[in-house]
Full PDB file with SEQRES, HELIX, SHEET, SSBOND, CRYST1, ORIGX, SCALE, CONECT and MASTER records, all heavy atoms in Angstrom:
SEQRES   1 A   42  MET TYR GLY SER VAL GLY VAL PRO TRP ALA MET SER ILE          
SEQRES   2 A   42  CYS TYR GLY ILE LEU VAL LEU PRO TRP ILE GLN ARG TYR          
SEQRES   3 A   42  ALA LYS HIS ARG LEU ASN ARG ASP GLY SER GLN LYS ARG          
SEQRES   4 A   42  GLY TRP CYS                                                  
HELIX    1 AA1 GLY A    3  VAL A    5  5                                   3    
HELIX    2 AA2 GLY A    6  LEU A   18  1                                  13    
HELIX    3 AA3 LEU A   20  LEU A   31  1                                  12    
HELIX    4 AA4 GLY A   35  TRP A   41  5                                   7    
CRYST1    1.000    1.000    1.000  90.00  90.00  90.00 P 1           1          
ORIGX1      1.000000  0.000000  0.000000        0.00000                         
ORIGX2      0.000000  1.000000  0.000000        0.00000                         
ORIGX3      0.000000  0.000000  1.000000        0.00000                         
SCALE1      1.000000  0.000000  0.000000        0.00000                         
SCALE2      0.000000  1.000000  0.000000        0.00000                         
SCALE3      0.000000  0.000000  1.000000        0.00000                         
ATOM      1  N   MET A   1       0.364 -10.612 -40.623  1.00  0.00           N  
ATOM      2  CA  MET A   1      -0.838 -11.268 -41.131  1.00  0.00           C  
ATOM      3  C   MET A   1      -2.039 -10.332 -41.195  1.00  0.00           C  
ATOM      4  O   MET A   1      -2.803 -10.358 -42.171  1.00  0.00           O  
ATOM      5  CB  MET A   1      -1.179 -12.471 -40.233  1.00  0.00           C  
ATOM      6  CG  MET A   1      -0.143 -13.579 -40.261  1.00  0.00           C  
ATOM      7  SD  MET A   1      -0.491 -14.887 -39.043  1.00  0.00           S  
ATOM      8  CE  MET A   1      -2.077 -15.486 -39.625  1.00  0.00           C  
ATOM      9  N   TYR A   2      -2.222  -9.499 -40.163  1.00  0.00           N  
ATOM     10  CA  TYR A   2      -3.454  -8.703 -40.052  1.00  0.00           C  
ATOM     11  C   TYR A   2      -3.214  -7.196 -40.068  1.00  0.00           C  
ATOM     12  O   TYR A   2      -4.168  -6.428 -39.913  1.00  0.00           O  
ATOM     13  CB  TYR A   2      -4.184  -9.065 -38.754  1.00  0.00           C  
ATOM     14  CG  TYR A   2      -4.488 -10.541 -38.634  1.00  0.00           C  
ATOM     15  CD1 TYR A   2      -3.806 -11.329 -37.720  1.00  0.00           C  
ATOM     16  CD2 TYR A   2      -5.440 -11.152 -39.446  1.00  0.00           C  
ATOM     17  CE1 TYR A   2      -4.063 -12.684 -37.591  1.00  0.00           C  
ATOM     18  CE2 TYR A   2      -5.706 -12.506 -39.333  1.00  0.00           C  
ATOM     19  CZ  TYR A   2      -5.018 -13.268 -38.403  1.00  0.00           C  
ATOM     20  OH  TYR A   2      -5.288 -14.614 -38.299  1.00  0.00           O  
ATOM     21  N   GLY A   3      -1.974  -6.769 -40.246  1.00  0.00           N  
ATOM     22  CA  GLY A   3      -1.691  -5.351 -40.207  1.00  0.00           C  
ATOM     23  C   GLY A   3      -1.548  -4.842 -38.784  1.00  0.00           C  
ATOM     24  O   GLY A   3      -1.408  -5.626 -37.834  1.00  0.00           O  
ATOM     25  N   SER A   4      -1.640  -3.528 -38.617  1.00  0.00           N  
ATOM     26  CA  SER A   4      -1.436  -2.925 -37.294  1.00  0.00           C  
ATOM     27  C   SER A   4      -2.470  -3.408 -36.281  1.00  0.00           C  
ATOM     28  O   SER A   4      -2.227  -3.370 -35.070  1.00  0.00           O  
ATOM     29  CB  SER A   4      -1.480  -1.405 -37.400  1.00  0.00           C  
ATOM     30  OG  SER A   4      -2.745  -0.970 -37.875  1.00  0.00           O  
ATOM     31  N   VAL A   5      -3.636  -3.881 -36.767  1.00  0.00           N  
ATOM     32  CA  VAL A   5      -4.680  -4.392 -35.879  1.00  0.00           C  
ATOM     33  C   VAL A   5      -4.164  -5.542 -35.024  1.00  0.00           C  
ATOM     34  O   VAL A   5      -4.560  -5.714 -33.859  1.00  0.00           O  
ATOM     35  CB  VAL A   5      -5.910  -4.850 -36.697  1.00  0.00           C  
ATOM     36  CG1 VAL A   5      -6.920  -5.565 -35.816  1.00  0.00           C  
ATOM     37  CG2 VAL A   5      -6.552  -3.661 -37.392  1.00  0.00           C  
ATOM     38  N   GLY A   6      -3.256  -6.341 -35.579  1.00  0.00           N  
ATOM     39  CA  GLY A   6      -2.774  -7.523 -34.873  1.00  0.00           C  
ATOM     40  C   GLY A   6      -1.891  -7.228 -33.680  1.00  0.00           C  
ATOM     41  O   GLY A   6      -1.749  -8.075 -32.786  1.00  0.00           O  
ATOM     42  N   VAL A   7      -1.291  -6.012 -33.619  1.00  0.00           N  
ATOM     43  CA  VAL A   7      -0.324  -5.712 -32.553  1.00  0.00           C  
ATOM     44  C   VAL A   7      -0.974  -5.684 -31.170  1.00  0.00           C  
ATOM     45  O   VAL A   7      -0.521  -6.390 -30.263  1.00  0.00           O  
ATOM     46  CB  VAL A   7       0.428  -4.399 -32.867  1.00  0.00           C  
ATOM     47  CG1 VAL A   7       1.308  -3.988 -31.685  1.00  0.00           C  
ATOM     48  CG2 VAL A   7       1.279  -4.559 -34.115  1.00  0.00           C  
ATOM     49  N   PRO A   8      -2.034  -4.882 -30.939  1.00  0.00           N  
ATOM     50  CA  PRO A   8      -2.621  -4.892 -29.593  1.00  0.00           C  
ATOM     51  C   PRO A   8      -3.285  -6.218 -29.232  1.00  0.00           C  
ATOM     52  O   PRO A   8      -3.296  -6.608 -28.052  1.00  0.00           O  
ATOM     53  CB  PRO A   8      -3.647  -3.754 -29.646  1.00  0.00           C  
ATOM     54  CG  PRO A   8      -3.965  -3.578 -31.081  1.00  0.00           C  
ATOM     55  CD  PRO A   8      -2.702  -3.899 -31.818  1.00  0.00           C  
ATOM     56  N   TRP A   9      -3.824  -6.941 -30.240  1.00  0.00           N  
ATOM     57  CA  TRP A   9      -4.417  -8.246 -29.946  1.00  0.00           C  
ATOM     58  C   TRP A   9      -3.344  -9.242 -29.510  1.00  0.00           C  
ATOM     59  O   TRP A   9      -3.553 -10.054 -28.604  1.00  0.00           O  
ATOM     60  CB  TRP A   9      -5.186  -8.770 -31.152  1.00  0.00           C  
ATOM     61  CG  TRP A   9      -6.522  -8.118 -31.323  1.00  0.00           C  
ATOM     62  CD1 TRP A   9      -6.888  -7.216 -32.292  1.00  0.00           C  
ATOM     63  CD2 TRP A   9      -7.678  -8.300 -30.491  1.00  0.00           C  
ATOM     64  NE1 TRP A   9      -8.177  -6.821 -32.116  1.00  0.00           N  
ATOM     65  CE2 TRP A   9      -8.702  -7.481 -31.021  1.00  0.00           C  
ATOM     66  CE3 TRP A   9      -7.950  -9.056 -29.364  1.00  0.00           C  
ATOM     67  CZ2 TRP A   9      -9.967  -7.410 -30.450  1.00  0.00           C  
ATOM     68  CZ3 TRP A   9      -9.211  -8.988 -28.788  1.00  0.00           C  
ATOM     69  CH2 TRP A   9     -10.204  -8.175 -29.325  1.00  0.00           C  
ATOM     70  N   ALA A  10      -2.172  -9.182 -30.159  1.00  0.00           N  
ATOM     71  CA  ALA A  10      -1.061 -10.059 -29.754  1.00  0.00           C  
ATOM     72  C   ALA A  10      -0.626  -9.745 -28.332  1.00  0.00           C  
ATOM     73  O   ALA A  10      -0.379 -10.651 -27.525  1.00  0.00           O  
ATOM     74  CB  ALA A  10       0.107  -9.893 -30.718  1.00  0.00           C  
ATOM     75  N   MET A  11      -0.538  -8.453 -28.037  1.00  0.00           N  
ATOM     76  CA  MET A  11      -0.172  -8.030 -26.683  1.00  0.00           C  
ATOM     77  C   MET A  11      -1.194  -8.529 -25.657  1.00  0.00           C  
ATOM     78  O   MET A  11      -0.841  -9.073 -24.607  1.00  0.00           O  
ATOM     79  CB  MET A  11      -0.070  -6.504 -26.666  1.00  0.00           C  
ATOM     80  CG  MET A  11      -0.249  -5.846 -25.326  1.00  0.00           C  
ATOM     81  SD  MET A  11       1.021  -6.251 -24.130  1.00  0.00           S  
ATOM     82  CE  MET A  11       0.211  -5.616 -22.660  1.00  0.00           C  
ATOM     83  N   SER A  12      -2.474  -8.371 -25.960  1.00  0.00           N  
ATOM     84  CA  SER A  12      -3.536  -8.769 -25.031  1.00  0.00           C  
ATOM     85  C   SER A  12      -3.512 -10.272 -24.780  1.00  0.00           C  
ATOM     86  O   SER A  12      -3.667 -10.733 -23.640  1.00  0.00           O  
ATOM     87  CB  SER A  12      -4.907  -8.350 -25.577  1.00  0.00           C  
ATOM     88  OG  SER A  12      -4.958  -6.967 -25.817  1.00  0.00           O  
ATOM     89  N   ILE A  13      -3.320 -11.054 -25.852  1.00  0.00           N  
ATOM     90  CA  ILE A  13      -3.294 -12.513 -25.721  1.00  0.00           C  
ATOM     91  C   ILE A  13      -2.115 -12.956 -24.857  1.00  0.00           C  
ATOM     92  O   ILE A  13      -2.262 -13.745 -23.913  1.00  0.00           O  
ATOM     93  CB  ILE A  13      -3.235 -13.169 -27.114  1.00  0.00           C  
ATOM     94  CG1 ILE A  13      -4.551 -12.927 -27.865  1.00  0.00           C  
ATOM     95  CG2 ILE A  13      -2.960 -14.663 -26.998  1.00  0.00           C  
ATOM     96  CD1 ILE A  13      -4.488 -13.296 -29.340  1.00  0.00           C  
ATOM     97  N   CYS A  14      -0.929 -12.440 -25.170  1.00  0.00           N  
ATOM     98  CA  CYS A  14       0.272 -12.836 -24.418  1.00  0.00           C  
ATOM     99  C   CYS A  14       0.191 -12.404 -22.964  1.00  0.00           C  
ATOM    100  O   CYS A  14       0.495 -13.175 -22.049  1.00  0.00           O  
ATOM    101  CB  CYS A  14       1.518 -12.238 -25.073  1.00  0.00           C  
ATOM    102  SG  CYS A  14       1.986 -13.027 -26.615  1.00  0.00           S  
ATOM    103  N   TYR A  15      -0.237 -11.180 -22.733  1.00  0.00           N  
ATOM    104  CA  TYR A  15      -0.307 -10.666 -21.373  1.00  0.00           C  
ATOM    105  C   TYR A  15      -1.373 -11.406 -20.580  1.00  0.00           C  
ATOM    106  O   TYR A  15      -1.186 -11.719 -19.397  1.00  0.00           O  
ATOM    107  CB  TYR A  15      -0.624  -9.165 -21.406  1.00  0.00           C  
ATOM    108  CG  TYR A  15      -0.173  -8.405 -20.186  1.00  0.00           C  
ATOM    109  CD1 TYR A  15       1.109  -7.871 -20.107  1.00  0.00           C  
ATOM    110  CD2 TYR A  15      -1.033  -8.195 -19.115  1.00  0.00           C  
ATOM    111  CE1 TYR A  15       1.533  -7.162 -18.999  1.00  0.00           C  
ATOM    112  CE2 TYR A  15      -0.627  -7.484 -17.996  1.00  0.00           C  
ATOM    113  CZ  TYR A  15       0.649  -6.976 -17.939  1.00  0.00           C  
ATOM    114  OH  TYR A  15       1.065  -6.272 -16.837  1.00  0.00           O  
ATOM    115  N   GLY A  16      -2.494 -11.673 -21.238  1.00  0.00           N  
ATOM    116  CA  GLY A  16      -3.584 -12.372 -20.569  1.00  0.00           C  
ATOM    117  C   GLY A  16      -3.253 -13.805 -20.209  1.00  0.00           C  
ATOM    118  O   GLY A  16      -3.814 -14.357 -19.253  1.00  0.00           O  
ATOM    119  N   ILE A  17      -2.344 -14.423 -20.942  1.00  0.00           N  
ATOM    120  CA  ILE A  17      -1.985 -15.823 -20.685  1.00  0.00           C  
ATOM    121  C   ILE A  17      -0.718 -15.948 -19.854  1.00  0.00           C  
ATOM    122  O   ILE A  17      -0.650 -16.751 -18.908  1.00  0.00           O  
ATOM    123  CB  ILE A  17      -1.819 -16.582 -22.019  1.00  0.00           C  
ATOM    124  CG1 ILE A  17      -3.154 -16.658 -22.767  1.00  0.00           C  
ATOM    125  CG2 ILE A  17      -1.272 -17.990 -21.773  1.00  0.00           C  
ATOM    126  CD1 ILE A  17      -3.056 -17.259 -24.158  1.00  0.00           C  
ATOM    127  N   LEU A  18       0.300 -15.143 -20.167  1.00  0.00           N  
ATOM    128  CA  LEU A  18       1.620 -15.328 -19.566  1.00  0.00           C  
ATOM    129  C   LEU A  18       1.877 -14.467 -18.335  1.00  0.00           C  
ATOM    130  O   LEU A  18       2.804 -14.761 -17.573  1.00  0.00           O  
ATOM    131  CB  LEU A  18       2.705 -15.034 -20.611  1.00  0.00           C  
ATOM    132  CG  LEU A  18       2.687 -15.916 -21.863  1.00  0.00           C  
ATOM    133  CD1 LEU A  18       3.785 -15.477 -22.831  1.00  0.00           C  
ATOM    134  CD2 LEU A  18       2.859 -17.379 -21.493  1.00  0.00           C  
ATOM    135  N   VAL A  19       1.100 -13.409 -18.128  1.00  0.00           N  
ATOM    136  CA  VAL A  19       1.370 -12.501 -17.011  1.00  0.00           C  
ATOM    137  C   VAL A  19       0.198 -12.421 -16.037  1.00  0.00           C  
ATOM    138  O   VAL A  19       0.347 -12.697 -14.850  1.00  0.00           O  
ATOM    139  CB  VAL A  19       1.728 -11.084 -17.525  1.00  0.00           C  
ATOM    140  CG1 VAL A  19       1.918 -10.120 -16.349  1.00  0.00           C  
ATOM    141  CG2 VAL A  19       2.976 -11.125 -18.382  1.00  0.00           C  
ATOM    142  N   LEU A  20      -0.972 -12.044 -16.539  1.00  0.00           N  
ATOM    143  CA  LEU A  20      -2.098 -11.721 -15.659  1.00  0.00           C  
ATOM    144  C   LEU A  20      -2.479 -12.828 -14.677  1.00  0.00           C  
ATOM    145  O   LEU A  20      -2.527 -12.580 -13.461  1.00  0.00           O  
ATOM    146  CB  LEU A  20      -3.308 -11.304 -16.507  1.00  0.00           C  
ATOM    147  CG  LEU A  20      -4.581 -10.964 -15.738  1.00  0.00           C  
ATOM    148  CD1 LEU A  20      -4.332  -9.855 -14.734  1.00  0.00           C  
ATOM    149  CD2 LEU A  20      -5.692 -10.549 -16.717  1.00  0.00           C  
ATOM    150  N   PRO A  21      -2.751 -14.056 -15.124  1.00  0.00           N  
ATOM    151  CA  PRO A  21      -3.190 -15.066 -14.143  1.00  0.00           C  
ATOM    152  C   PRO A  21      -2.115 -15.416 -13.116  1.00  0.00           C  
ATOM    153  O   PRO A  21      -2.432 -15.707 -11.957  1.00  0.00           O  
ATOM    154  CB  PRO A  21      -3.537 -16.278 -15.012  1.00  0.00           C  
ATOM    155  CG  PRO A  21      -2.805 -16.071 -16.293  1.00  0.00           C  
ATOM    156  CD  PRO A  21      -2.740 -14.600 -16.491  1.00  0.00           C  
ATOM    157  N   TRP A  22      -0.851 -15.356 -13.533  1.00  0.00           N  
ATOM    158  CA  TRP A  22       0.227 -15.728 -12.628  1.00  0.00           C  
ATOM    159  C   TRP A  22       0.508 -14.638 -11.612  1.00  0.00           C  
ATOM    160  O   TRP A  22       0.820 -14.932 -10.449  1.00  0.00           O  
ATOM    161  CB  TRP A  22       1.473 -16.074 -13.440  1.00  0.00           C  
ATOM    162  CG  TRP A  22       1.191 -17.149 -14.431  1.00  0.00           C  
ATOM    163  CD1 TRP A  22       1.029 -17.015 -15.779  1.00  0.00           C  
ATOM    164  CD2 TRP A  22       0.967 -18.534 -14.146  1.00  0.00           C  
ATOM    165  NE1 TRP A  22       0.729 -18.220 -16.354  1.00  0.00           N  
ATOM    166  CE2 TRP A  22       0.683 -19.174 -15.380  1.00  0.00           C  
ATOM    167  CE3 TRP A  22       0.976 -19.286 -12.976  1.00  0.00           C  
ATOM    168  CZ2 TRP A  22       0.422 -20.533 -15.461  1.00  0.00           C  
ATOM    169  CZ3 TRP A  22       0.713 -20.637 -13.054  1.00  0.00           C  
ATOM    170  CH2 TRP A  22       0.438 -21.254 -14.282  1.00  0.00           C  
ATOM    171  N   ILE A  23       0.420 -13.369 -12.041  1.00  0.00           N  
ATOM    172  CA  ILE A  23       0.657 -12.282 -11.093  1.00  0.00           C  
ATOM    173  C   ILE A  23      -0.477 -12.228 -10.080  1.00  0.00           C  
ATOM    174  O   ILE A  23      -0.271 -11.949  -8.893  1.00  0.00           O  
ATOM    175  CB  ILE A  23       0.831 -10.938 -11.845  1.00  0.00           C  
ATOM    176  CG1 ILE A  23       1.818 -10.037 -11.103  1.00  0.00           C  
ATOM    177  CG2 ILE A  23      -0.467 -10.205 -12.052  1.00  0.00           C  
ATOM    178  CD1 ILE A  23       3.234 -10.453 -11.161  1.00  0.00           C  
ATOM    179  N   GLN A  24      -1.715 -12.515 -10.530  1.00  0.00           N  
ATOM    180  CA  GLN A  24      -2.840 -12.595  -9.600  1.00  0.00           C  
ATOM    181  C   GLN A  24      -2.642 -13.728  -8.597  1.00  0.00           C  
ATOM    182  O   GLN A  24      -2.819 -13.546  -7.387  1.00  0.00           O  
ATOM    183  CB  GLN A  24      -4.146 -12.825 -10.373  1.00  0.00           C  
ATOM    184  CG  GLN A  24      -4.683 -11.617 -11.104  1.00  0.00           C  
ATOM    185  CD  GLN A  24      -5.953 -11.965 -11.855  1.00  0.00           C  
ATOM    186  OE1 GLN A  24      -5.996 -12.934 -12.607  1.00  0.00           O  
ATOM    187  NE2 GLN A  24      -6.995 -11.173 -11.654  1.00  0.00           N  
ATOM    188  N   ARG A  25      -2.257 -14.870  -9.102  1.00  0.00           N  
ATOM    189  CA  ARG A  25      -2.107 -16.042  -8.253  1.00  0.00           C  
ATOM    190  C   ARG A  25      -1.019 -15.823  -7.209  1.00  0.00           C  
ATOM    191  O   ARG A  25      -1.209 -16.144  -6.027  1.00  0.00           O  
ATOM    192  CB  ARG A  25      -1.776 -17.259  -9.122  1.00  0.00           C  
ATOM    193  CG  ARG A  25      -1.579 -18.545  -8.347  1.00  0.00           C  
ATOM    194  CD  ARG A  25      -1.243 -19.688  -9.285  1.00  0.00           C  
ATOM    195  NE  ARG A  25      -0.994 -20.919  -8.542  1.00  0.00           N  
ATOM    196  CZ  ARG A  25      -0.625 -22.064  -9.105  1.00  0.00           C  
ATOM    197  NH1 ARG A  25      -0.476 -22.140 -10.417  1.00  0.00           N  
ATOM    198  NH2 ARG A  25      -0.412 -23.139  -8.364  1.00  0.00           N  
ATOM    199  N   TYR A  26       0.105 -15.261  -7.618  1.00  0.00           N  
ATOM    200  CA  TYR A  26       1.222 -15.069  -6.698  1.00  0.00           C  
ATOM    201  C   TYR A  26       0.866 -14.052  -5.620  1.00  0.00           C  
ATOM    202  O   TYR A  26       1.106 -14.275  -4.431  1.00  0.00           O  
ATOM    203  CB  TYR A  26       2.460 -14.619  -7.462  1.00  0.00           C  
ATOM    204  CG  TYR A  26       3.701 -14.625  -6.606  1.00  0.00           C  
ATOM    205  CD1 TYR A  26       4.422 -15.797  -6.396  1.00  0.00           C  
ATOM    206  CD2 TYR A  26       4.143 -13.465  -5.985  1.00  0.00           C  
ATOM    207  CE1 TYR A  26       5.549 -15.805  -5.592  1.00  0.00           C  
ATOM    208  CE2 TYR A  26       5.271 -13.464  -5.185  1.00  0.00           C  
ATOM    209  CZ  TYR A  26       5.964 -14.638  -4.994  1.00  0.00           C  
ATOM    210  OH  TYR A  26       7.071 -14.653  -4.188  1.00  0.00           O  
ATOM    211  N   ALA A  27       0.267 -12.911  -6.044  1.00  0.00           N  
ATOM    212  CA  ALA A  27      -0.078 -11.877  -5.065  1.00  0.00           C  
ATOM    213  C   ALA A  27      -1.130 -12.379  -4.081  1.00  0.00           C  
ATOM    214  O   ALA A  27      -1.027 -12.148  -2.870  1.00  0.00           O  
ATOM    215  CB  ALA A  27      -0.579 -10.627  -5.789  1.00  0.00           C  
ATOM    216  N   LYS A  28      -2.151 -13.063  -4.593  1.00  0.00           N  
ATOM    217  CA  LYS A  28      -3.193 -13.576  -3.703  1.00  0.00           C  
ATOM    218  C   LYS A  28      -2.637 -14.635  -2.755  1.00  0.00           C  
ATOM    219  O   LYS A  28      -3.030 -14.701  -1.587  1.00  0.00           O  
ATOM    220  CB  LYS A  28      -4.341 -14.160  -4.536  1.00  0.00           C  
ATOM    221  CG  LYS A  28      -5.182 -13.100  -5.230  1.00  0.00           C  
ATOM    222  CD  LYS A  28      -6.306 -13.735  -6.039  1.00  0.00           C  
ATOM    223  CE  LYS A  28      -7.183 -12.673  -6.685  1.00  0.00           C  
ATOM    224  NZ  LYS A  28      -8.279 -13.285  -7.493  1.00  0.00           N  
ATOM    225  N   HIS A  29      -1.725 -15.443  -3.248  1.00  0.00           N  
ATOM    226  CA  HIS A  29      -1.107 -16.459  -2.402  1.00  0.00           C  
ATOM    227  C   HIS A  29      -0.376 -15.812  -1.236  1.00  0.00           C  
ATOM    228  O   HIS A  29      -0.473 -16.261  -0.087  1.00  0.00           O  
ATOM    229  CB  HIS A  29      -0.149 -17.306  -3.235  1.00  0.00           C  
ATOM    230  CG  HIS A  29       0.673 -18.266  -2.423  1.00  0.00           C  
ATOM    231  ND1 HIS A  29       0.133 -19.348  -1.791  1.00  0.00           N  
ATOM    232  CD2 HIS A  29       2.009 -18.275  -2.146  1.00  0.00           C  
ATOM    233  CE1 HIS A  29       1.090 -20.015  -1.153  1.00  0.00           C  
ATOM    234  NE2 HIS A  29       2.235 -19.378  -1.350  1.00  0.00           N  
ATOM    235  N   ARG A  30       0.345 -14.730  -1.524  1.00  0.00           N  
ATOM    236  CA  ARG A  30       1.082 -14.043  -0.457  1.00  0.00           C  
ATOM    237  C   ARG A  30       0.116 -13.386   0.532  1.00  0.00           C  
ATOM    238  O   ARG A  30       0.326 -13.406   1.738  1.00  0.00           O  
ATOM    239  CB  ARG A  30       2.003 -12.976  -1.049  1.00  0.00           C  
ATOM    240  CG  ARG A  30       2.924 -13.472  -2.148  1.00  0.00           C  
ATOM    241  CD  ARG A  30       3.815 -14.599  -1.712  1.00  0.00           C  
ATOM    242  NE  ARG A  30       4.768 -14.207  -0.699  1.00  0.00           N  
ATOM    243  CZ  ARG A  30       5.680 -15.030  -0.180  1.00  0.00           C  
ATOM    244  NH1 ARG A  30       5.738 -16.289  -0.569  1.00  0.00           N  
ATOM    245  NH2 ARG A  30       6.509 -14.606   0.733  1.00  0.00           N  
ATOM    246  N   LEU A  31      -0.979 -12.802  -0.001  1.00  0.00           N  
ATOM    247  CA  LEU A  31      -1.922 -12.100   0.864  1.00  0.00           C  
ATOM    248  C   LEU A  31      -2.756 -13.047   1.712  1.00  0.00           C  
ATOM    249  O   LEU A  31      -3.238 -12.669   2.782  1.00  0.00           O  
ATOM    250  CB  LEU A  31      -2.854 -11.225   0.016  1.00  0.00           C  
ATOM    251  CG  LEU A  31      -2.212  -9.998  -0.628  1.00  0.00           C  
ATOM    252  CD1 LEU A  31      -3.184  -9.314  -1.560  1.00  0.00           C  
ATOM    253  CD2 LEU A  31      -1.734  -9.024   0.439  1.00  0.00           C  
ATOM    254  N   ASN A  32      -2.945 -14.270   1.251  1.00  0.00           N  
ATOM    255  CA  ASN A  32      -3.778 -15.220   1.973  1.00  0.00           C  
ATOM    256  C   ASN A  32      -3.042 -15.966   3.085  1.00  0.00           C  
ATOM    257  O   ASN A  32      -3.639 -16.778   3.786  1.00  0.00           O  
ATOM    258  CB  ASN A  32      -4.374 -16.248   1.004  1.00  0.00           C  
ATOM    259  CG  ASN A  32      -5.522 -15.655   0.210  1.00  0.00           C  
ATOM    260  OD1 ASN A  32      -6.206 -14.749   0.671  1.00  0.00           O  
ATOM    261  ND2 ASN A  32      -5.730 -16.152  -1.004  1.00  0.00           N  
ATOM    262  N   ARG A  33      -1.748 -15.719   3.233  1.00  0.00           N  
ATOM    263  CA  ARG A  33      -0.999 -16.397   4.289  1.00  0.00           C  
ATOM    264  C   ARG A  33      -1.455 -15.913   5.656  1.00  0.00           C  
ATOM    265  O   ARG A  33      -1.781 -14.734   5.839  1.00  0.00           O  
ATOM    266  CB  ARG A  33       0.500 -16.120   4.131  1.00  0.00           C  
ATOM    267  CG  ARG A  33       1.076 -16.818   2.909  1.00  0.00           C  
ATOM    268  CD  ARG A  33       2.578 -16.657   2.874  1.00  0.00           C  
ATOM    269  NE  ARG A  33       3.145 -17.568   1.888  1.00  0.00           N  
ATOM    270  CZ  ARG A  33       4.327 -18.145   2.009  1.00  0.00           C  
ATOM    271  NH1 ARG A  33       5.054 -17.939   3.075  1.00  0.00           N  
ATOM    272  NH2 ARG A  33       4.784 -18.941   1.071  1.00  0.00           N  
ATOM    273  N   ASP A  34      -1.449 -16.799   6.626  1.00  0.00           N  
ATOM    274  CA  ASP A  34      -1.858 -16.382   7.967  1.00  0.00           C  
ATOM    275  C   ASP A  34      -0.695 -15.731   8.698  1.00  0.00           C  
ATOM    276  O   ASP A  34       0.421 -15.646   8.195  1.00  0.00           O  
ATOM    277  CB  ASP A  34      -2.396 -17.577   8.775  1.00  0.00           C  
ATOM    278  CG  ASP A  34      -1.359 -18.690   8.939  1.00  0.00           C  
ATOM    279  OD1 ASP A  34      -0.141 -18.393   8.935  1.00  0.00           O  
ATOM    280  OD2 ASP A  34      -1.764 -19.840   9.077  1.00  0.00           O  
ATOM    281  N   GLY A  35      -0.979 -15.262   9.922  1.00  0.00           N  
ATOM    282  CA  GLY A  35       0.014 -14.480  10.646  1.00  0.00           C  
ATOM    283  C   GLY A  35       1.310 -15.207  10.863  1.00  0.00           C  
ATOM    284  O   GLY A  35       2.380 -14.612  10.870  1.00  0.00           O  
ATOM    285  N   SER A  36       1.250 -16.514  11.051  1.00  0.00           N  
ATOM    286  CA  SER A  36       2.479 -17.260  11.343  1.00  0.00           C  
ATOM    287  C   SER A  36       3.374 -17.371  10.135  1.00  0.00           C  
ATOM    288  O   SER A  36       4.539 -17.705  10.252  1.00  0.00           O  
ATOM    289  CB  SER A  36       2.117 -18.668  11.838  1.00  0.00           C  
ATOM    290  OG  SER A  36       1.445 -19.394  10.801  1.00  0.00           O  
ATOM    291  N   GLN A  37       2.827 -17.055   8.959  1.00  0.00           N  
ATOM    292  CA  GLN A  37       3.624 -17.189   7.737  1.00  0.00           C  
ATOM    293  C   GLN A  37       3.959 -15.840   7.111  1.00  0.00           C  
ATOM    294  O   GLN A  37       4.467 -15.777   6.010  1.00  0.00           O  
ATOM    295  CB  GLN A  37       2.861 -18.046   6.714  1.00  0.00           C  
ATOM    296  CG  GLN A  37       2.689 -19.494   7.144  1.00  0.00           C  
ATOM    297  CD  GLN A  37       1.776 -20.240   6.181  1.00  0.00           C  
ATOM    298  OE1 GLN A  37       0.669 -19.826   5.919  1.00  0.00           O  
ATOM    299  NE2 GLN A  37       2.257 -21.331   5.664  1.00  0.00           N  
ATOM    300  N   LYS A  38       3.665 -14.753   7.790  1.00  0.00           N  
ATOM    301  CA  LYS A  38       3.879 -13.435   7.198  1.00  0.00           C  
ATOM    302  C   LYS A  38       5.347 -13.147   6.925  1.00  0.00           C  
ATOM    303  O   LYS A  38       5.670 -12.273   6.149  1.00  0.00           O  
ATOM    304  CB  LYS A  38       3.307 -12.343   8.111  1.00  0.00           C  
ATOM    305  CG  LYS A  38       1.782 -12.306   8.049  1.00  0.00           C  
ATOM    306  CD  LYS A  38       1.221 -11.307   9.040  1.00  0.00           C  
ATOM    307  CE  LYS A  38      -0.309 -11.335   9.042  1.00  0.00           C  
ATOM    308  NZ  LYS A  38      -0.889 -10.446  10.058  1.00  0.00           N  
ATOM    309  N   ARG A  39       6.224 -13.858   7.586  1.00  0.00           N  
ATOM    310  CA  ARG A  39       7.638 -13.636   7.291  1.00  0.00           C  
ATOM    311  C   ARG A  39       7.969 -13.941   5.839  1.00  0.00           C  
ATOM    312  O   ARG A  39       9.014 -13.550   5.338  1.00  0.00           O  
ATOM    313  CB  ARG A  39       8.501 -14.495   8.211  1.00  0.00           C  
ATOM    314  CG  ARG A  39       8.326 -15.995   8.011  1.00  0.00           C  
ATOM    315  CD  ARG A  39       9.166 -16.798   8.986  1.00  0.00           C  
ATOM    316  NE  ARG A  39       9.009 -18.219   8.808  1.00  0.00           N  
ATOM    317  CZ  ARG A  39       8.055 -18.933   9.350  1.00  0.00           C  
ATOM    318  NH1 ARG A  39       7.124 -18.346  10.086  1.00  0.00           N  
ATOM    319  NH2 ARG A  39       7.981 -20.233   9.147  1.00  0.00           N  
ATOM    320  N   GLY A  40       7.067 -14.648   5.124  1.00  0.00           N  
ATOM    321  CA  GLY A  40       7.296 -14.955   3.714  1.00  0.00           C  
ATOM    322  C   GLY A  40       7.454 -13.723   2.849  1.00  0.00           C  
ATOM    323  O   GLY A  40       8.032 -13.766   1.785  1.00  0.00           O  
ATOM    324  N   TRP A  41       6.896 -12.573   3.334  1.00  0.00           N  
ATOM    325  CA  TRP A  41       7.059 -11.336   2.572  1.00  0.00           C  
ATOM    326  C   TRP A  41       8.520 -10.897   2.530  1.00  0.00           C  
ATOM    327  O   TRP A  41       8.897 -10.093   1.686  1.00  0.00           O  
ATOM    328  CB  TRP A  41       6.224 -10.235   3.219  1.00  0.00           C  
ATOM    329  CG  TRP A  41       4.774 -10.362   2.948  1.00  0.00           C  
ATOM    330  CD1 TRP A  41       3.828 -10.921   3.735  1.00  0.00           C  
ATOM    331  CD2 TRP A  41       4.083  -9.925   1.779  1.00  0.00           C  
ATOM    332  NE1 TRP A  41       2.606 -10.857   3.137  1.00  0.00           N  
ATOM    333  CE2 TRP A  41       2.726 -10.251   1.937  1.00  0.00           C  
ATOM    334  CE3 TRP A  41       4.473  -9.284   0.601  1.00  0.00           C  
ATOM    335  CZ2 TRP A  41       1.768  -9.966   0.983  1.00  0.00           C  
ATOM    336  CZ3 TRP A  41       3.524  -8.990  -0.354  1.00  0.00           C  
ATOM    337  CH2 TRP A  41       2.188  -9.334  -0.164  1.00  0.00           C  
ATOM    338  N   CYS A  42       9.303 -11.374   3.455  1.00  0.00           N  
ATOM    339  CA  CYS A  42      10.692 -10.916   3.536  1.00  0.00           C  
ATOM    340  C   CYS A  42      11.664 -11.957   2.987  1.00  0.00           C  
ATOM    341  O   CYS A  42      12.842 -11.947   3.298  1.00  0.00           O  
ATOM    342  CB  CYS A  42      11.045 -10.578   4.980  1.00  0.00           C  
ATOM    343  SG  CYS A  42       9.989  -9.315   5.680  1.00  0.00           S  
TER     344      CYS A  42                                                      
MASTER        0    0    0    4    0    0    0    6  343    1    0    4          
END                                                                             
């Protein structure tokens, strides 16, 4: 539709929606666990 310009924008949109928020959420969830739950890393 837009030529080569559309390729990085498509990548940014998909990554920003399908990867970035979820990887942040998962990592922060693991890091926010207290000491009694640290075994979750394993």
